[in-house]
């Protein structure tokens, strides 16, 4: 007579830490407190809907003829040109700084710490703050927006690329060291070929962000389509404003699809 195999012991469910409940309660309390501070209330969306219907009705009837006006076409061209130039300049500077912000390619401890501190300072200010700063320095216009986006791009691309440099395959580095390469040759031969696909992907991603950010910067005096949005909003021309929003949506969507296609090609 065969005996049944012994039944395996049922694993004991691990005890839930009481700290999890404390953290959840704390998060809920902080969220409620934050809502009270900003007086968060969804009721006005219902009670004031009829009051805002006159504005909403104009948004639902965009003036498409406004999009083909020379001023609109010129403003869109300024925004796209700002995004292109700021991406190119910012990416070039960020590539150099990313190599200096990694222990892999920068053997000087003092220079490494200075560059890391500089990049932290650049990232600490949002693009809108850089825009206001450069408008004060160089005056209103696309040049101020371009400079602001260059700083914004440096902060993002340099950080992402420096982290990519930190994770490169050490094999080519060891081969370069064995061949007697100096620091610059080591970075050019052993590091750049490994990080260029990622760097190109980060650059295209930032270009997408720049089109959106250039629009926002235009509303604080940096020129382009954002400046036109601010003008139409001040004039209460909601039909023109609605047409501009649809235009921006289409442009950003097309750029997003194109950028995604290029990134997928690079990843192969």
C-alpha atoms as a PDB file:
ATOM      1  CA  UNK A   1       0.000   0.000   0.000  1.00  0.00           C
ATOM      2  CA  UNK A   2       1.505   3.308  -1.103  1.00  0.00           C
ATOM      3  CA  UNK A   3       1.409   6.204   1.230  1.00  0.00           C
ATOM      4  CA  UNK A   4       0.358   9.627   0.055  1.00  0.00           C
ATOM      5  CA  UNK A   5       3.167  12.118  -0.236  1.00  0.00           C
ATOM      6  CA  UNK A   6       3.356  14.474   2.676  1.00  0.00           C
ATOM      7  CA  UNK A   7       1.509  17.711   2.151  1.00  0.00           C
ATOM      8  CA  UNK A   8       3.772  20.698   1.931  1.00  0.00           C
ATOM      9  CA  UNK A   9       3.365  23.160   4.707  1.00  0.00           C
ATOM     10  CA  UNK A  10       1.331  26.197   3.761  1.00  0.00           C
ATOM     11  CA  UNK A  11       3.542  29.259   3.674  1.00  0.00           C
ATOM     12  CA  UNK A  12       2.911  31.648   6.462  1.00  0.00           C
ATOM     13  CA  UNK A  13       1.578  34.986   5.312  1.00  0.00           C
ATOM     14  CA  UNK A  14       4.019  37.692   6.354  1.00  0.00           C
ATOM     15  CA  UNK A  15       2.739  40.100   8.917  1.00  0.00           C
ATOM     16  CA  UNK A  16       1.833  43.513   7.637  1.00  0.00           C
ATOM     17  CA  UNK A  17       4.001  46.144   9.190  1.00  0.00           C
ATOM     18  CA  UNK A  18       2.069  48.673  11.265  1.00  0.00           C
ATOM     19  CA  UNK A  19       4.251  51.314   9.654  1.00  0.00           C
ATOM     20  CA  UNK A  20       2.320  50.878   6.373  1.00  0.00           C
ATOM     21  CA  UNK A  21      -0.929  51.941   7.998  1.00  0.00           C
ATOM     22  CA  UNK A  22       0.730  54.880   9.691  1.00  0.00           C
ATOM     23  CA  UNK A  23       2.192  56.063   6.390  1.00  0.00           C
ATOM     24  CA  UNK A  24      -1.163  55.748   4.592  1.00  0.00           C
ATOM     25  CA  UNK A  25      -2.943  57.703   7.329  1.00  0.00           C
ATOM     26  CA  UNK A  26      -0.238  60.363   7.191  1.00  0.00           C
ATOM     27  CA  UNK A  27      -0.568  60.652   3.397  1.00  0.00           C
ATOM     28  CA  UNK A  28      -4.339  61.028   3.629  1.00  0.00           C
ATOM     29  CA  UNK A  29      -3.985  63.650   6.360  1.00  0.00           C
ATOM     30  CA  UNK A  30      -1.404  65.617   4.354  1.00  0.00           C
ATOM     31  CA  UNK A  31      -3.612  65.470   1.241  1.00  0.00           C
ATOM     32  CA  UNK A  32      -6.656  66.730   3.155  1.00  0.00           C
ATOM     33  CA  UNK A  33      -4.602  69.497   4.763  1.00  0.00           C
ATOM     34  CA  UNK A  34      -3.228  70.562   1.375  1.00  0.00           C
ATOM     35  CA  UNK A  35      -6.751  70.662  -0.058  1.00  0.00           C
ATOM     36  CA  UNK A  36      -7.913  72.866   2.811  1.00  0.00           C
ATOM     37  CA  UNK A  37      -4.975  75.227   2.339  1.00  0.00           C
ATOM     38  CA  UNK A  38      -5.758  75.815  -1.352  1.00  0.00           C
ATOM     39  CA  UNK A  39      -9.532  75.700  -0.706  1.00  0.00           C
ATOM     40  CA  UNK A  40     -10.007  72.823  -3.143  1.00  0.00           C
ATOM     41  CA  UNK A  41     -13.685  72.533  -4.042  1.00  0.00           C
ATOM     42  CA  UNK A  42     -15.354  70.953  -7.089  1.00  0.00           C
ATOM     43  CA  UNK A  43     -18.751  72.533  -6.397  1.00  0.00           C
ATOM     44  CA  UNK A  44     -18.078  75.714  -8.456  1.00  0.00           C
ATOM     45  CA  UNK A  45     -17.749  73.535 -11.565  1.00  0.00           C
ATOM     46  CA  UNK A  46     -21.459  72.825 -11.202  1.00  0.00           C
ATOM     47  CA  UNK A  47     -22.819  76.024  -9.676  1.00  0.00           C
ATOM     48  CA  UNK A  48     -20.962  78.378 -12.046  1.00  0.00           C
ATOM     49  CA  UNK A  49     -21.285  76.354 -15.227  1.00  0.00           C
ATOM     50  CA  UNK A  50     -24.108  78.459 -16.652  1.00  0.00           C
ATOM     51  CA  UNK A  51     -22.200  81.655 -15.886  1.00  0.00           C
ATOM     52  CA  UNK A  52     -19.246  80.484 -17.977  1.00  0.00           C
ATOM     53  CA  UNK A  53     -21.310  79.032 -20.803  1.00  0.00           C
ATOM     54  CA  UNK A  54     -20.955  82.212 -22.892  1.00  0.00           C
ATOM     55  CA  UNK A  55     -17.181  81.726 -22.867  1.00  0.00           C
ATOM     56  CA  UNK A  56     -17.417  77.986 -23.488  1.00  0.00           C
ATOM     57  CA  UNK A  57     -19.748  78.529 -26.452  1.00  0.00           C
ATOM     58  CA  UNK A  58     -17.091  80.710 -28.118  1.00  0.00           C
ATOM     59  CA  UNK A  59     -14.482  78.031 -27.529  1.00  0.00           C
ATOM     60  CA  UNK A  60     -16.714  75.547 -29.324  1.00  0.00           C
ATOM     61  CA  UNK A  61     -16.798  77.773 -32.415  1.00  0.00           C
ATOM     62  CA  UNK A  62     -13.121  78.393 -33.338  1.00  0.00           C
ATOM     63  CA  UNK A  63     -12.303  80.993 -35.959  1.00  0.00           C
ATOM     64  CA  UNK A  64     -10.275  78.846 -38.373  1.00  0.00           C
ATOM     65  CA  UNK A  65      -9.535  81.837 -40.599  1.00  0.00           C
ATOM     66  CA  UNK A  66      -7.412  83.234 -37.773  1.00  0.00           C
ATOM     67  CA  UNK A  67      -4.904  80.408 -38.258  1.00  0.00           C
ATOM     68  CA  UNK A  68      -3.931  81.483 -41.775  1.00  0.00           C
ATOM     69  CA  UNK A  69      -3.242  85.089 -40.886  1.00  0.00           C
ATOM     70  CA  UNK A  70       0.397  86.142 -41.431  1.00  0.00           C
ATOM     71  CA  UNK A  71       0.764  87.043 -37.746  1.00  0.00           C
ATOM     72  CA  UNK A  72      -0.330  83.560 -36.667  1.00  0.00           C
ATOM     73  CA  UNK A  73       1.920  81.775 -39.147  1.00  0.00           C
ATOM     74  CA  UNK A  74       4.860  83.965 -38.139  1.00  0.00           C
ATOM     75  CA  UNK A  75       4.224  83.334 -34.432  1.00  0.00           C
ATOM     76  CA  UNK A  76       4.107  79.563 -34.965  1.00  0.00           C
ATOM     77  CA  UNK A  77       7.315  79.732 -36.993  1.00  0.00           C
ATOM     78  CA  UNK A  78       8.989  81.694 -34.185  1.00  0.00           C
ATOM     79  CA  UNK A  79       7.945  79.079 -31.633  1.00  0.00           C
ATOM     80  CA  UNK A  80       9.250  76.185 -33.736  1.00  0.00           C
ATOM     81  CA  UNK A  81      12.480  78.035 -34.532  1.00  0.00           C
ATOM     82  CA  UNK A  82      12.981  78.763 -30.835  1.00  0.00           C
ATOM     83  CA  UNK A  83      12.525  75.094 -30.015  1.00  0.00           C
ATOM     84  CA  UNK A  84      14.970  73.973 -32.734  1.00  0.00           C
ATOM     85  CA  UNK A  85      17.748  76.427 -31.854  1.00  0.00           C
ATOM     86  CA  UNK A  86      17.448  75.946 -28.104  1.00  0.00           C
ATOM     87  CA  UNK A  87      17.479  72.166 -28.500  1.00  0.00           C
ATOM     88  CA  UNK A  88      20.605  72.205 -30.677  1.00  0.00           C
ATOM     89  CA  UNK A  89      22.552  74.621 -28.482  1.00  0.00           C
ATOM     90  CA  UNK A  90      21.379  73.135 -25.197  1.00  0.00           C
ATOM     91  CA  UNK A  91      22.099  69.566 -26.283  1.00  0.00           C
ATOM     92  CA  UNK A  92      25.631  70.437 -27.437  1.00  0.00           C
ATOM     93  CA  UNK A  93      26.479  72.124 -24.125  1.00  0.00           C
ATOM     94  CA  UNK A  94      24.763  69.365 -22.148  1.00  0.00           C
ATOM     95  CA  UNK A  95      26.831  66.642 -23.851  1.00  0.00           C
ATOM     96  CA  UNK A  96      30.073  68.266 -22.707  1.00  0.00           C
ATOM     97  CA  UNK A  97      28.770  68.882 -19.196  1.00  0.00           C
ATOM     98  CA  UNK A  98      27.439  65.325 -18.895  1.00  0.00           C
ATOM     99  CA  UNK A  99      30.928  63.952 -19.565  1.00  0.00           C
ATOM    100  CA  UNK A 100      32.292  66.255 -16.871  1.00  0.00           C
ATOM    101  CA  UNK A 101      29.505  65.247 -14.470  1.00  0.00           C
ATOM    102  CA  UNK A 102      30.455  61.566 -14.407  1.00  0.00           C
ATOM    103  CA  UNK A 103      33.290  59.879 -12.545  1.00  0.00           C
ATOM    104  CA  UNK A 104      33.725  57.603 -15.544  1.00  0.00           C
ATOM    105  CA  UNK A 105      34.906  60.389 -17.852  1.00  0.00           C
ATOM    106  CA  UNK A 106      36.095  63.031 -15.376  1.00  0.00           C
ATOM    107  CA  UNK A 107      39.046  62.064 -13.220  1.00  0.00           C
ATOM    108  CA  UNK A 108      39.219  65.436 -11.468  1.00  0.00           C
ATOM    109  CA  UNK A 109      37.265  65.251  -8.236  1.00  0.00           C
ATOM    110  CA  UNK A 110      37.126  69.033  -7.806  1.00  0.00           C
ATOM    111  CA  UNK A 111      35.868  69.676 -11.348  1.00  0.00           C
ATOM    112  CA  UNK A 112      33.340  66.855 -10.993  1.00  0.00           C
ATOM    113  CA  UNK A 113      31.851  68.425  -7.855  1.00  0.00           C
ATOM    114  CA  UNK A 114      31.740  71.889  -9.415  1.00  0.00           C
ATOM    115  CA  UNK A 115      29.899  70.625 -12.505  1.00  0.00           C
ATOM    116  CA  UNK A 116      27.418  68.611 -10.413  1.00  0.00           C
ATOM    117  CA  UNK A 117      26.700  71.703  -8.297  1.00  0.00           C
ATOM    118  CA  UNK A 118      26.283  73.827 -11.429  1.00  0.00           C
ATOM    119  CA  UNK A 119      23.795  71.378 -12.953  1.00  0.00           C
ATOM    120  CA  UNK A 120      21.839  71.233  -9.699  1.00  0.00           C
ATOM    121  CA  UNK A 121      21.580  75.018  -9.733  1.00  0.00           C
ATOM    122  CA  UNK A 122      20.428  75.005 -13.365  1.00  0.00           C
ATOM    123  CA  UNK A 123      17.727  72.406 -12.632  1.00  0.00           C
ATOM    124  CA  UNK A 124      16.530  74.240  -9.542  1.00  0.00           C
ATOM    125  CA  UNK A 125      14.834  76.948 -11.637  1.00  0.00           C
ATOM    126  CA  UNK A 126      11.857  76.044 -13.861  1.00  0.00           C
ATOM    127  CA  UNK A 127      11.689  77.198 -17.457  1.00  0.00           C
ATOM    128  CA  UNK A 128       9.238  79.984 -16.625  1.00  0.00           C
ATOM    129  CA  UNK A 129      11.697  81.428 -14.085  1.00  0.00           C
ATOM    130  CA  UNK A 130      14.525  81.348 -16.645  1.00  0.00           C
ATOM    131  CA  UNK A 131      12.176  83.055 -19.100  1.00  0.00           C
ATOM    132  CA  UNK A 132      11.405  85.902 -16.695  1.00  0.00           C
ATOM    133  CA  UNK A 133      15.098  86.236 -15.877  1.00  0.00           C
ATOM    134  CA  UNK A 134      16.240  86.501 -19.496  1.00  0.00           C
ATOM    135  CA  UNK A 135      13.370  88.817 -20.433  1.00  0.00           C
ATOM    136  CA  UNK A 136      14.719  91.137 -17.748  1.00  0.00           C
ATOM    137  CA  UNK A 137      18.274  90.765 -19.114  1.00  0.00           C
ATOM    138  CA  UNK A 138      17.806  90.984 -22.888  1.00  0.00           C
ATOM    139  CA  UNK A 139      14.244  92.276 -23.243  1.00  0.00           C
ATOM    140  CA  UNK A 140      11.124  90.679 -24.678  1.00  0.00           C
ATOM    141  CA  UNK A 141      11.344  88.511 -27.758  1.00  0.00           C
ATOM    142  CA  UNK A 142      12.332  85.110 -29.030  1.00  0.00           C
ATOM    143  CA  UNK A 143      15.980  85.515 -27.968  1.00  0.00           C
ATOM    144  CA  UNK A 144      14.996  85.549 -24.298  1.00  0.00           C
ATOM    145  CA  UNK A 145      12.875  82.431 -24.799  1.00  0.00           C
ATOM    146  CA  UNK A 146      15.701  80.668 -26.612  1.00  0.00           C
ATOM    147  CA  UNK A 147      18.173  81.385 -23.794  1.00  0.00           C
ATOM    148  CA  UNK A 148      15.662  80.201 -21.202  1.00  0.00           C
ATOM    149  CA  UNK A 149      15.069  76.938 -23.049  1.00  0.00           C
ATOM    150  CA  UNK A 150      18.822  76.402 -23.495  1.00  0.00           C
ATOM    151  CA  UNK A 151      19.211  76.450 -19.703  1.00  0.00           C
ATOM    152  CA  UNK A 152      16.155  74.217 -19.313  1.00  0.00           C
ATOM    153  CA  UNK A 153      17.573  71.730 -21.831  1.00  0.00           C
ATOM    154  CA  UNK A 154      20.999  71.661 -20.220  1.00  0.00           C
ATOM    155  CA  UNK A 155      19.480  70.690 -16.885  1.00  0.00           C
ATOM    156  CA  UNK A 156      17.487  67.774 -18.306  1.00  0.00           C
ATOM    157  CA  UNK A 157      19.821  66.363 -20.974  1.00  0.00           C
ATOM    158  CA  UNK A 158      23.005  66.657 -18.904  1.00  0.00           C
ATOM    159  CA  UNK A 159      21.458  64.790 -15.971  1.00  0.00           C
ATOM    160  CA  UNK A 160      20.040  61.949 -18.069  1.00  0.00           C
ATOM    161  CA  UNK A 161      23.186  61.600 -20.179  1.00  0.00           C
ATOM    162  CA  UNK A 162      25.495  61.673 -17.149  1.00  0.00           C
ATOM    163  CA  UNK A 163      23.527  58.792 -15.638  1.00  0.00           C
ATOM    164  CA  UNK A 164      23.909  56.931 -18.953  1.00  0.00           C
ATOM    165  CA  UNK A 165      27.671  57.537 -18.840  1.00  0.00           C
ATOM    166  CA  UNK A 166      27.799  56.081 -15.328  1.00  0.00           C
ATOM    167  CA  UNK A 167      26.231  52.840 -16.632  1.00  0.00           C
ATOM    168  CA  UNK A 168      28.437  52.240 -19.711  1.00  0.00           C
ATOM    169  CA  UNK A 169      30.129  48.899 -20.323  1.00  0.00           C
ATOM    170  CA  UNK A 170      33.554  49.029 -18.595  1.00  0.00           C
ATOM    171  CA  UNK A 171      35.159  46.743 -21.212  1.00  0.00           C
ATOM    172  CA  UNK A 172      35.938  49.461 -23.790  1.00  0.00           C
ATOM    173  CA  UNK A 173      37.166  51.714 -20.985  1.00  0.00           C
ATOM    174  CA  UNK A 174      39.650  49.092 -19.823  1.00  0.00           C
ATOM    175  CA  UNK A 175      40.821  48.595 -23.407  1.00  0.00           C
ATOM    176  CA  UNK A 176      41.327  52.340 -23.846  1.00  0.00           C
ATOM    177  CA  UNK A 177      43.272  52.550 -20.589  1.00  0.00           C
ATOM    178  CA  UNK A 178      45.443  49.601 -21.634  1.00  0.00           C
ATOM    179  CA  UNK A 179      46.213  51.377 -24.912  1.00  0.00           C
ATOM    180  CA  UNK A 180      47.376  54.473 -23.007  1.00  0.00           C
ATOM    181  CA  UNK A 181      44.499  56.783 -23.996  1.00  0.00           C
ATOM    182  CA  UNK A 182      44.211  60.092 -22.200  1.00  0.00           C
ATOM    183  CA  UNK A 183      40.967  61.335 -20.639  1.00  0.00           C
ATOM    184  CA  UNK A 184      39.640  62.980 -23.811  1.00  0.00           C
ATOM    185  CA  UNK A 185      40.546  60.019 -26.031  1.00  0.00           C
ATOM    186  CA  UNK A 186      39.031  57.634 -23.503  1.00  0.00           C
ATOM    187  CA  UNK A 187      35.724  59.523 -23.571  1.00  0.00           C
ATOM    188  CA  UNK A 188      35.668  59.842 -27.368  1.00  0.00           C
ATOM    189  CA  UNK A 189      36.556  56.228 -28.184  1.00  0.00           C
ATOM    190  CA  UNK A 190      35.096  54.199 -25.321  1.00  0.00           C
ATOM    191  CA  UNK A 191      32.160  56.254 -24.012  1.00  0.00           C
ATOM    192  CA  UNK A 192      30.596  58.333 -26.808  1.00  0.00           C
ATOM    193  CA  UNK A 193      29.710  55.364 -29.064  1.00  0.00           C
ATOM    194  CA  UNK A 194      27.822  53.789 -26.156  1.00  0.00           C
ATOM    195  CA  UNK A 195      25.868  56.864 -25.063  1.00  0.00           C
ATOM    196  CA  UNK A 196      25.023  58.493 -28.414  1.00  0.00           C
ATOM    197  CA  UNK A 197      21.767  56.529 -28.994  1.00  0.00           C
ATOM    198  CA  UNK A 198      20.510  57.484 -25.538  1.00  0.00           C
ATOM    199  CA  UNK A 199      21.701  61.055 -25.962  1.00  0.00           C
ATOM    200  CA  UNK A 200      19.850  61.354 -29.288  1.00  0.00           C
ATOM    201  CA  UNK A 201      16.697  59.993 -27.666  1.00  0.00           C
ATOM    202  CA  UNK A 202      16.932  62.500 -24.795  1.00  0.00           C
ATOM    203  CA  UNK A 203      17.480  65.330 -27.274  1.00  0.00           C
ATOM    204  CA  UNK A 204      14.370  64.462 -29.285  1.00  0.00           C
ATOM    205  CA  UNK A 205      12.330  64.138 -26.099  1.00  0.00           C
ATOM    206  CA  UNK A 206      13.480  67.571 -24.986  1.00  0.00           C
ATOM    207  CA  UNK A 207      12.581  69.008 -28.390  1.00  0.00           C
ATOM    208  CA  UNK A 208       8.993  67.908 -27.765  1.00  0.00           C
ATOM    209  CA  UNK A 209       9.073  69.639 -24.400  1.00  0.00           C
ATOM    210  CA  UNK A 210      10.550  72.773 -25.951  1.00  0.00           C
ATOM    211  CA  UNK A 211       7.588  73.295 -28.273  1.00  0.00           C
ATOM    212  CA  UNK A 212       5.243  73.250 -25.282  1.00  0.00           C
ATOM    213  CA  UNK A 213       7.575  75.279 -23.077  1.00  0.00           C
ATOM    214  CA  UNK A 214       8.186  77.883 -25.799  1.00  0.00           C
ATOM    215  CA  UNK A 215       4.446  78.472 -25.902  1.00  0.00           C
ATOM    216  CA  UNK A 216       4.304  79.084 -22.153  1.00  0.00           C
ATOM    217  CA  UNK A 217       7.393  81.300 -22.244  1.00  0.00           C
ATOM    218  CA  UNK A 218       5.780  83.370 -24.973  1.00  0.00           C
ATOM    219  CA  UNK A 219       3.074  84.358 -22.513  1.00  0.00           C
ATOM    220  CA  UNK A 220       5.694  86.058 -20.311  1.00  0.00           C
ATOM    221  CA  UNK A 221       7.215  88.039 -23.169  1.00  0.00           C
ATOM    222  CA  UNK A 222       9.438  85.499 -24.933  1.00  0.00           C
ATOM    223  CA  UNK A 223       7.642  85.823 -28.276  1.00  0.00           C
ATOM    224  CA  UNK A 224       6.049  83.231 -30.524  1.00  0.00           C
ATOM    225  CA  UNK A 225       2.646  81.629 -30.345  1.00  0.00           C
ATOM    226  CA  UNK A 226       2.480  82.085 -26.575  1.00  0.00           C
ATOM    227  CA  UNK A 227       2.629  85.847 -26.987  1.00  0.00           C
ATOM    228  CA  UNK A 228      -0.233  85.636 -29.462  1.00  0.00           C
ATOM    229  CA  UNK A 229      -2.224  83.523 -26.993  1.00  0.00           C
ATOM    230  CA  UNK A 230      -1.734  86.146 -24.293  1.00  0.00           C
ATOM    231  CA  UNK A 231      -2.870  88.930 -26.645  1.00  0.00           C
ATOM    232  CA  UNK A 232      -6.033  87.107 -27.733  1.00  0.00           C
ATOM    233  CA  UNK A 233      -6.832  86.183 -24.131  1.00  0.00           C
ATOM    234  CA  UNK A 234      -6.465  89.811 -23.052  1.00  0.00           C
ATOM    235  CA  UNK A 235      -8.839  90.850 -25.856  1.00  0.00           C
ATOM    236  CA  UNK A 236     -11.364  88.155 -24.851  1.00  0.00           C
ATOM    237  CA  UNK A 237     -11.250  86.703 -28.371  1.00  0.00           C
ATOM    238  CA  UNK A 238     -12.056  83.181 -27.234  1.00  0.00           C
ATOM    239  CA  UNK A 239     -12.855  81.967 -30.743  1.00  0.00           C
ATOM    240  CA  UNK A 240      -9.337  82.885 -31.867  1.00  0.00           C
ATOM    241  CA  UNK A 241      -7.913  81.428 -28.683  1.00  0.00           C
ATOM    242  CA  UNK A 242      -9.706  78.151 -29.312  1.00  0.00           C
ATOM    243  CA  UNK A 243      -8.315  77.941 -32.851  1.00  0.00           C
ATOM    244  CA  UNK A 244      -4.776  78.503 -31.521  1.00  0.00           C
ATOM    245  CA  UNK A 245      -5.203  75.767 -28.920  1.00  0.00           C
ATOM    246  CA  UNK A 246      -6.348  73.297 -31.578  1.00  0.00           C
ATOM    247  CA  UNK A 247      -3.364  74.284 -33.738  1.00  0.00           C
ATOM    248  CA  UNK A 248      -0.953  73.691 -30.865  1.00  0.00           C
ATOM    249  CA  UNK A 249      -2.565  70.356 -30.112  1.00  0.00           C
ATOM    250  CA  UNK A 250      -2.117  69.190 -33.712  1.00  0.00           C
ATOM    251  CA  UNK A 251       1.489  70.441 -33.939  1.00  0.00           C
ATOM    252  CA  UNK A 252       2.539  68.853 -30.651  1.00  0.00           C
ATOM    253  CA  UNK A 253       0.782  65.598 -31.554  1.00  0.00           C
ATOM    254  CA  UNK A 254       2.573  65.396 -34.915  1.00  0.00           C
ATOM    255  CA  UNK A 255       5.942  66.176 -33.331  1.00  0.00           C
ATOM    256  CA  UNK A 256       5.314  63.599 -30.628  1.00  0.00           C
ATOM    257  CA  UNK A 257       4.564  60.909 -33.218  1.00  0.00           C
ATOM    258  CA  UNK A 258       7.617  61.830 -35.297  1.00  0.00           C
ATOM    259  CA  UNK A 259       9.892  61.879 -32.265  1.00  0.00           C
ATOM    260  CA  UNK A 260       8.559  58.544 -31.054  1.00  0.00           C
ATOM    261  CA  UNK A 261       9.176  57.002 -34.481  1.00  0.00           C
ATOM    262  CA  UNK A 262      12.770  58.258 -34.543  1.00  0.00           C
ATOM    263  CA  UNK A 263      13.423  57.036 -30.992  1.00  0.00           C
ATOM    264  CA  UNK A 264      12.157  53.567 -31.886  1.00  0.00           C
ATOM    265  CA  UNK A 265      14.448  53.501 -34.923  1.00  0.00           C
ATOM    266  CA  UNK A 266      17.425  54.441 -32.770  1.00  0.00           C
ATOM    267  CA  UNK A 267      16.588  51.781 -30.190  1.00  0.00           C
ATOM    268  CA  UNK A 268      16.873  48.969 -32.774  1.00  0.00           C
END
